[in-house]
């Protein structure tokens, strides 16, 4: 059949425009819904309706993609306030809020290079707020706040995931395990724990986080000249 007699192939759409930002945003959307297991260059390419090989011109490896995702979320972490205490509190609260919005962040935060532009901007804002404070205090103080937030966030996200996996809310958990704890405490082997459970404050996650943060900031204040 001559060329004039062959039907023309259907129009092929122009390849979808790509950028590193579009790739990262698509990866974040996948991770927000289904966690980090849903993130691979192939899956991100499918979400963008492009071939996987097109992504390699922008991002070489999955590790690069994860670093970019973490840094992109740091654009949402912008500490504000007057003075070091307000800024450190704002840093802690903003980081926690970002992790609750992007649960997968709890799996990566604190364990990857802090070199992206958004991450560096966050660090710059914090250090600028502590201008005038001796660096021998600044370095461990900021490290302590970061360590507290990472630990608290990971605990909260782990508990949230465990609750979802078990299908039990707080009341159902208490109904399931309460009888066992009552029998155990009745043996007298754990008097301090028994007193804590019966007489101690029962704080929710927000109250626990802010109380611990206050303790930490009070400790830092003891080392900062007034």
C-alpha atoms as a PDB file:
ATOM      1  CA  UNK A   1       0.000   0.000   0.000  1.00  0.00           C
ATOM      2  CA  UNK A   2       1.381   3.367  -0.997  1.00  0.00           C
ATOM      3  CA  UNK A   3       1.843   6.060   1.573  1.00  0.00           C
ATOM      4  CA  UNK A   4      -1.073   8.036   0.188  1.00  0.00           C
ATOM      5  CA  UNK A   5      -3.354   5.107   0.791  1.00  0.00           C
ATOM      6  CA  UNK A   6      -2.250   4.368   4.353  1.00  0.00           C
ATOM      7  CA  UNK A   7      -4.336   5.964   7.078  1.00  0.00           C
ATOM      8  CA  UNK A   8      -2.518   8.592   9.064  1.00  0.00           C
ATOM      9  CA  UNK A   9      -1.690   7.644  12.626  1.00  0.00           C
ATOM     10  CA  UNK A  10      -3.592   9.540  15.277  1.00  0.00           C
ATOM     11  CA  UNK A  11      -2.091  12.757  16.539  1.00  0.00           C
ATOM     12  CA  UNK A  12       0.378  12.221  19.355  1.00  0.00           C
ATOM     13  CA  UNK A  13       0.034  14.724  22.159  1.00  0.00           C
ATOM     14  CA  UNK A  14       2.994  16.908  22.904  1.00  0.00           C
ATOM     15  CA  UNK A  15       4.932  15.359  25.789  1.00  0.00           C
ATOM     16  CA  UNK A  16       3.788  16.708  29.136  1.00  0.00           C
ATOM     17  CA  UNK A  17       6.013  19.546  30.342  1.00  0.00           C
ATOM     18  CA  UNK A  18       8.277  18.503  33.189  1.00  0.00           C
ATOM     19  CA  UNK A  19      10.292  20.243  35.858  1.00  0.00           C
ATOM     20  CA  UNK A  20      12.017  19.110  39.013  1.00  0.00           C
ATOM     21  CA  UNK A  21       9.346  20.891  41.030  1.00  0.00           C
ATOM     22  CA  UNK A  22       6.499  19.057  39.260  1.00  0.00           C
ATOM     23  CA  UNK A  23       8.215  15.724  39.859  1.00  0.00           C
ATOM     24  CA  UNK A  24       8.731  16.437  43.545  1.00  0.00           C
ATOM     25  CA  UNK A  25       5.161  17.653  44.011  1.00  0.00           C
ATOM     26  CA  UNK A  26       3.823  14.502  42.358  1.00  0.00           C
ATOM     27  CA  UNK A  27       5.987  12.367  44.648  1.00  0.00           C
ATOM     28  CA  UNK A  28       4.731  14.229  47.714  1.00  0.00           C
ATOM     29  CA  UNK A  29       1.120  13.707  46.652  1.00  0.00           C
ATOM     30  CA  UNK A  30       1.736   9.976  46.300  1.00  0.00           C
ATOM     31  CA  UNK A  31       3.481   9.778  49.674  1.00  0.00           C
ATOM     32  CA  UNK A  32       0.756  11.795  51.415  1.00  0.00           C
ATOM     33  CA  UNK A  33      -1.835   9.244  50.339  1.00  0.00           C
ATOM     34  CA  UNK A  34       0.003   5.920  50.525  1.00  0.00           C
ATOM     35  CA  UNK A  35       3.313   6.535  52.284  1.00  0.00           C
ATOM     36  CA  UNK A  36       6.858   6.233  51.033  1.00  0.00           C
ATOM     37  CA  UNK A  37       6.246   2.763  49.604  1.00  0.00           C
ATOM     38  CA  UNK A  38       4.162   4.483  46.930  1.00  0.00           C
ATOM     39  CA  UNK A  39       7.118   6.576  45.802  1.00  0.00           C
ATOM     40  CA  UNK A  40       9.410   5.391  43.026  1.00  0.00           C
ATOM     41  CA  UNK A  41      10.559   7.067  39.862  1.00  0.00           C
ATOM     42  CA  UNK A  42       8.370   4.696  37.867  1.00  0.00           C
ATOM     43  CA  UNK A  43       5.265   5.459  39.942  1.00  0.00           C
ATOM     44  CA  UNK A  44       5.912   9.184  39.846  1.00  0.00           C
ATOM     45  CA  UNK A  45       6.329   9.010  36.075  1.00  0.00           C
ATOM     46  CA  UNK A  46       2.998   7.191  35.794  1.00  0.00           C
ATOM     47  CA  UNK A  47       1.316   9.873  37.913  1.00  0.00           C
ATOM     48  CA  UNK A  48       2.692  12.509  35.552  1.00  0.00           C
ATOM     49  CA  UNK A  49       1.733  10.441  32.497  1.00  0.00           C
ATOM     50  CA  UNK A  50       5.269  10.336  31.144  1.00  0.00           C
ATOM     51  CA  UNK A  51       7.809   7.586  30.559  1.00  0.00           C
ATOM     52  CA  UNK A  52      10.165   6.827  33.470  1.00  0.00           C
ATOM     53  CA  UNK A  53      13.238   7.627  31.397  1.00  0.00           C
ATOM     54  CA  UNK A  54      12.144  11.253  31.115  1.00  0.00           C
ATOM     55  CA  UNK A  55      12.533  11.664  34.865  1.00  0.00           C
ATOM     56  CA  UNK A  56      16.192  10.699  34.834  1.00  0.00           C
ATOM     57  CA  UNK A  57      17.055  13.938  33.124  1.00  0.00           C
ATOM     58  CA  UNK A  58      15.856  15.722  36.264  1.00  0.00           C
ATOM     59  CA  UNK A  59      16.479  13.278  39.135  1.00  0.00           C
ATOM     60  CA  UNK A  60      19.061  10.512  39.026  1.00  0.00           C
ATOM     61  CA  UNK A  61      18.005   8.307  41.945  1.00  0.00           C
ATOM     62  CA  UNK A  62      15.196   7.744  44.425  1.00  0.00           C
ATOM     63  CA  UNK A  63      17.493   9.002  47.185  1.00  0.00           C
ATOM     64  CA  UNK A  64      17.776  12.320  45.365  1.00  0.00           C
ATOM     65  CA  UNK A  65      13.999  12.421  45.116  1.00  0.00           C
ATOM     66  CA  UNK A  66      13.570  11.815  48.855  1.00  0.00           C
ATOM     67  CA  UNK A  67      16.040  14.601  49.657  1.00  0.00           C
ATOM     68  CA  UNK A  68      14.099  16.964  47.402  1.00  0.00           C
ATOM     69  CA  UNK A  69      10.796  15.952  49.014  1.00  0.00           C
ATOM     70  CA  UNK A  70      12.096  16.688  52.507  1.00  0.00           C
ATOM     71  CA  UNK A  71      13.450  20.045  51.412  1.00  0.00           C
ATOM     72  CA  UNK A  72      10.185  20.934  49.671  1.00  0.00           C
ATOM     73  CA  UNK A  73       8.262  20.356  52.892  1.00  0.00           C
ATOM     74  CA  UNK A  74      10.722  22.609  54.725  1.00  0.00           C
ATOM     75  CA  UNK A  75       9.259  25.454  52.682  1.00  0.00           C
ATOM     76  CA  UNK A  76       6.244  25.028  54.997  1.00  0.00           C
ATOM     77  CA  UNK A  77       8.454  25.348  58.105  1.00  0.00           C
ATOM     78  CA  UNK A  78       9.078  29.021  58.594  1.00  0.00           C
ATOM     79  CA  UNK A  79       9.876  29.883  62.218  1.00  0.00           C
ATOM     80  CA  UNK A  80       8.685  33.327  63.279  1.00  0.00           C
ATOM     81  CA  UNK A  81       8.624  35.398  66.425  1.00  0.00           C
ATOM     82  CA  UNK A  82      10.554  37.971  68.419  1.00  0.00           C
ATOM     83  CA  UNK A  83      13.470  36.494  70.292  1.00  0.00           C
ATOM     84  CA  UNK A  84      15.078  33.091  70.434  1.00  0.00           C
ATOM     85  CA  UNK A  85      12.414  31.430  72.588  1.00  0.00           C
ATOM     86  CA  UNK A  86       9.491  32.319  70.316  1.00  0.00           C
ATOM     87  CA  UNK A  87      11.462  31.302  67.232  1.00  0.00           C
ATOM     88  CA  UNK A  88      12.499  27.934  68.690  1.00  0.00           C
ATOM     89  CA  UNK A  89       8.911  27.305  69.762  1.00  0.00           C
ATOM     90  CA  UNK A  90       7.682  28.260  66.298  1.00  0.00           C
ATOM     91  CA  UNK A  91      10.262  25.939  64.717  1.00  0.00           C
ATOM     92  CA  UNK A  92       9.102  23.036  66.867  1.00  0.00           C
ATOM     93  CA  UNK A  93       5.399  23.627  66.250  1.00  0.00           C
ATOM     94  CA  UNK A  94       5.786  24.208  62.503  1.00  0.00           C
ATOM     95  CA  UNK A  95       7.879  21.054  62.098  1.00  0.00           C
ATOM     96  CA  UNK A  96       5.324  19.024  64.029  1.00  0.00           C
ATOM     97  CA  UNK A  97       2.471  20.441  61.949  1.00  0.00           C
ATOM     98  CA  UNK A  98       4.309  19.595  58.707  1.00  0.00           C
ATOM     99  CA  UNK A  99       4.890  16.026  59.889  1.00  0.00           C
ATOM    100  CA  UNK A 100       1.228  15.584  60.765  1.00  0.00           C
ATOM    101  CA  UNK A 101       0.280  16.849  57.313  1.00  0.00           C
ATOM    102  CA  UNK A 102       2.918  14.676  55.619  1.00  0.00           C
ATOM    103  CA  UNK A 103       3.198  11.552  57.792  1.00  0.00           C
ATOM    104  CA  UNK A 104       6.056  10.153  55.718  1.00  0.00           C
ATOM    105  CA  UNK A 105       8.235  13.023  56.924  1.00  0.00           C
ATOM    106  CA  UNK A 106       8.498  11.260  60.287  1.00  0.00           C
ATOM    107  CA  UNK A 107      10.386   8.450  58.520  1.00  0.00           C
ATOM    108  CA  UNK A 108      12.938  10.806  56.977  1.00  0.00           C
ATOM    109  CA  UNK A 109      13.317  13.824  59.237  1.00  0.00           C
ATOM    110  CA  UNK A 110      16.591  13.973  61.107  1.00  0.00           C
ATOM    111  CA  UNK A 111      18.112  11.240  59.008  1.00  0.00           C
ATOM    112  CA  UNK A 112      18.986  13.019  55.774  1.00  0.00           C
ATOM    113  CA  UNK A 113      21.378  15.826  54.773  1.00  0.00           C
ATOM    114  CA  UNK A 114      20.107  19.264  55.742  1.00  0.00           C
ATOM    115  CA  UNK A 115      21.509  20.969  52.663  1.00  0.00           C
ATOM    116  CA  UNK A 116      18.514  21.993  50.547  1.00  0.00           C
ATOM    117  CA  UNK A 117      17.731  25.694  50.068  1.00  0.00           C
ATOM    118  CA  UNK A 118      14.507  25.578  52.078  1.00  0.00           C
ATOM    119  CA  UNK A 119      16.163  23.669  54.914  1.00  0.00           C
ATOM    120  CA  UNK A 120      19.051  26.114  54.976  1.00  0.00           C
ATOM    121  CA  UNK A 121      16.617  29.048  55.031  1.00  0.00           C
ATOM    122  CA  UNK A 122      14.903  27.542  58.077  1.00  0.00           C
ATOM    123  CA  UNK A 123      18.228  27.120  59.857  1.00  0.00           C
ATOM    124  CA  UNK A 124      19.261  30.656  58.939  1.00  0.00           C
ATOM    125  CA  UNK A 125      16.063  32.096  60.447  1.00  0.00           C
ATOM    126  CA  UNK A 126      16.606  30.211  63.692  1.00  0.00           C
ATOM    127  CA  UNK A 127      20.263  31.174  64.034  1.00  0.00           C
ATOM    128  CA  UNK A 128      19.530  34.800  63.187  1.00  0.00           C
ATOM    129  CA  UNK A 129      16.986  34.889  66.018  1.00  0.00           C
ATOM    130  CA  UNK A 130      19.690  33.707  68.418  1.00  0.00           C
ATOM    131  CA  UNK A 131      22.142  36.397  67.362  1.00  0.00           C
ATOM    132  CA  UNK A 132      23.945  37.656  70.411  1.00  0.00           C
ATOM    133  CA  UNK A 133      23.725  34.346  72.249  1.00  0.00           C
ATOM    134  CA  UNK A 134      27.033  32.579  72.750  1.00  0.00           C
ATOM    135  CA  UNK A 135      27.572  29.926  70.085  1.00  0.00           C
ATOM    136  CA  UNK A 136      28.518  27.441  72.802  1.00  0.00           C
ATOM    137  CA  UNK A 137      24.874  27.733  73.902  1.00  0.00           C
ATOM    138  CA  UNK A 138      23.287  28.103  70.463  1.00  0.00           C
ATOM    139  CA  UNK A 139      24.626  24.865  68.987  1.00  0.00           C
ATOM    140  CA  UNK A 140      23.451  22.431  71.707  1.00  0.00           C
ATOM    141  CA  UNK A 141      20.226  24.400  72.250  1.00  0.00           C
ATOM    142  CA  UNK A 142      19.129  24.128  68.611  1.00  0.00           C
ATOM    143  CA  UNK A 143      20.263  20.503  68.491  1.00  0.00           C
ATOM    144  CA  UNK A 144      18.214  19.739  71.622  1.00  0.00           C
ATOM    145  CA  UNK A 145      15.054  21.277  70.171  1.00  0.00           C
ATOM    146  CA  UNK A 146      15.509  19.422  66.892  1.00  0.00           C
ATOM    147  CA  UNK A 147      16.102  16.137  68.720  1.00  0.00           C
ATOM    148  CA  UNK A 148      13.022  16.676  70.892  1.00  0.00           C
ATOM    149  CA  UNK A 149      10.806  17.428  67.901  1.00  0.00           C
ATOM    150  CA  UNK A 150      12.082  14.449  65.893  1.00  0.00           C
ATOM    151  CA  UNK A 151      11.490  12.088  68.807  1.00  0.00           C
ATOM    152  CA  UNK A 152       8.068  13.484  69.663  1.00  0.00           C
ATOM    153  CA  UNK A 153       6.889  13.506  66.061  1.00  0.00           C
ATOM    154  CA  UNK A 154       8.038   9.957  65.406  1.00  0.00           C
ATOM    155  CA  UNK A 155       6.277   8.739  68.554  1.00  0.00           C
ATOM    156  CA  UNK A 156       3.047  10.501  67.638  1.00  0.00           C
ATOM    157  CA  UNK A 157       3.041   9.236  64.056  1.00  0.00           C
ATOM    158  CA  UNK A 158       3.911   5.714  65.188  1.00  0.00           C
ATOM    159  CA  UNK A 159       1.011   5.760  67.653  1.00  0.00           C
ATOM    160  CA  UNK A 160      -1.339   7.125  64.995  1.00  0.00           C
ATOM    161  CA  UNK A 161      -0.346   4.356  62.592  1.00  0.00           C
ATOM    162  CA  UNK A 162      -0.692   1.709  65.284  1.00  0.00           C
ATOM    163  CA  UNK A 163      -4.175   2.966  66.124  1.00  0.00           C
ATOM    164  CA  UNK A 164      -5.194   2.777  62.485  1.00  0.00           C
ATOM    165  CA  UNK A 165      -3.712  -0.708  62.125  1.00  0.00           C
ATOM    166  CA  UNK A 166      -5.465  -2.002  65.245  1.00  0.00           C
ATOM    167  CA  UNK A 167      -8.783  -0.393  64.387  1.00  0.00           C
ATOM    168  CA  UNK A 168      -9.161   0.634  68.035  1.00  0.00           C
ATOM    169  CA  UNK A 169      -9.647   4.141  69.380  1.00  0.00           C
ATOM    170  CA  UNK A 170      -8.502   5.188  72.859  1.00  0.00           C
ATOM    171  CA  UNK A 171     -11.669   3.957  74.585  1.00  0.00           C
ATOM    172  CA  UNK A 172     -11.522   0.585  72.825  1.00  0.00           C
ATOM    173  CA  UNK A 173      -7.853   0.211  73.727  1.00  0.00           C
ATOM    174  CA  UNK A 174      -8.624   0.898  77.388  1.00  0.00           C
ATOM    175  CA  UNK A 175     -11.479  -1.603  77.342  1.00  0.00           C
ATOM    176  CA  UNK A 176      -9.193  -4.247  75.826  1.00  0.00           C
ATOM    177  CA  UNK A 177      -6.084  -3.799  77.970  1.00  0.00           C
ATOM    178  CA  UNK A 178      -7.514  -2.119  81.078  1.00  0.00           C
ATOM    179  CA  UNK A 179      -8.429  -5.383  82.862  1.00  0.00           C
ATOM    180  CA  UNK A 180      -4.921  -6.756  82.333  1.00  0.00           C
ATOM    181  CA  UNK A 181      -3.326  -3.621  83.785  1.00  0.00           C
ATOM    182  CA  UNK A 182      -5.653  -3.664  86.800  1.00  0.00           C
ATOM    183  CA  UNK A 183      -4.742  -7.289  87.521  1.00  0.00           C
ATOM    184  CA  UNK A 184      -1.047  -6.531  87.084  1.00  0.00           C
ATOM    185  CA  UNK A 185      -1.070  -3.478  89.338  1.00  0.00           C
ATOM    186  CA  UNK A 186      -3.041  -5.406  91.968  1.00  0.00           C
ATOM    187  CA  UNK A 187       0.015  -7.628  92.489  1.00  0.00           C
ATOM    188  CA  UNK A 188       1.842  -4.703  94.056  1.00  0.00           C
ATOM    189  CA  UNK A 189       4.916  -5.218  91.877  1.00  0.00           C
ATOM    190  CA  UNK A 190       4.630  -1.850  90.126  1.00  0.00           C
ATOM    191  CA  UNK A 191       3.544   0.711  92.742  1.00  0.00           C
ATOM    192  CA  UNK A 192       5.053   3.746  90.957  1.00  0.00           C
ATOM    193  CA  UNK A 193       3.387   2.864  87.663  1.00  0.00           C
ATOM    194  CA  UNK A 194       0.107   2.193  89.421  1.00  0.00           C
ATOM    195  CA  UNK A 195       0.207   5.632  91.057  1.00  0.00           C
ATOM    196  CA  UNK A 196       1.016   7.251  87.725  1.00  0.00           C
ATOM    197  CA  UNK A 197      -1.895   5.577  85.946  1.00  0.00           C
ATOM    198  CA  UNK A 198      -4.401   6.290  88.696  1.00  0.00           C
ATOM    199  CA  UNK A 199      -3.314   9.739  89.906  1.00  0.00           C
ATOM    200  CA  UNK A 200      -1.140  11.226  87.185  1.00  0.00           C
ATOM    201  CA  UNK A 201      -2.316  13.768  84.596  1.00  0.00           C
ATOM    202  CA  UNK A 202      -3.799  12.291  81.452  1.00  0.00           C
ATOM    203  CA  UNK A 203      -2.511  14.625  78.762  1.00  0.00           C
ATOM    204  CA  UNK A 204      -3.437  14.447  75.111  1.00  0.00           C
ATOM    205  CA  UNK A 205      -0.799  14.603  72.377  1.00  0.00           C
ATOM    206  CA  UNK A 206      -0.893  18.401  72.072  1.00  0.00           C
ATOM    207  CA  UNK A 207      -0.581  18.929  75.825  1.00  0.00           C
ATOM    208  CA  UNK A 208       2.242  16.413  76.088  1.00  0.00           C
ATOM    209  CA  UNK A 209       4.178  18.022  73.240  1.00  0.00           C
ATOM    210  CA  UNK A 210       3.848  21.566  74.549  1.00  0.00           C
ATOM    211  CA  UNK A 211       4.614  20.625  78.157  1.00  0.00           C
ATOM    212  CA  UNK A 212       7.807  18.860  77.120  1.00  0.00           C
ATOM    213  CA  UNK A 213       8.771  21.760  74.879  1.00  0.00           C
ATOM    214  CA  UNK A 214       8.270  24.213  77.758  1.00  0.00           C
ATOM    215  CA  UNK A 215      10.544  22.123  79.988  1.00  0.00           C
ATOM    216  CA  UNK A 216      13.209  22.146  77.290  1.00  0.00           C
ATOM    217  CA  UNK A 217      12.963  25.880  76.587  1.00  0.00           C
ATOM    218  CA  UNK A 218      13.096  26.644  80.313  1.00  0.00           C
ATOM    219  CA  UNK A 219      16.313  24.653  80.534  1.00  0.00           C
ATOM    220  CA  UNK A 220      17.809  26.550  77.598  1.00  0.00           C
ATOM    221  CA  UNK A 221      16.769  29.870  79.152  1.00  0.00           C
ATOM    222  CA  UNK A 222      18.886  29.072  82.204  1.00  0.00           C
ATOM    223  CA  UNK A 223      21.945  29.261  79.958  1.00  0.00           C
ATOM    224  CA  UNK A 224      20.990  32.353  77.956  1.00  0.00           C
ATOM    225  CA  UNK A 225      21.941  35.736  79.438  1.00  0.00           C
ATOM    226  CA  UNK A 226      18.956  37.961  80.095  1.00  0.00           C
END
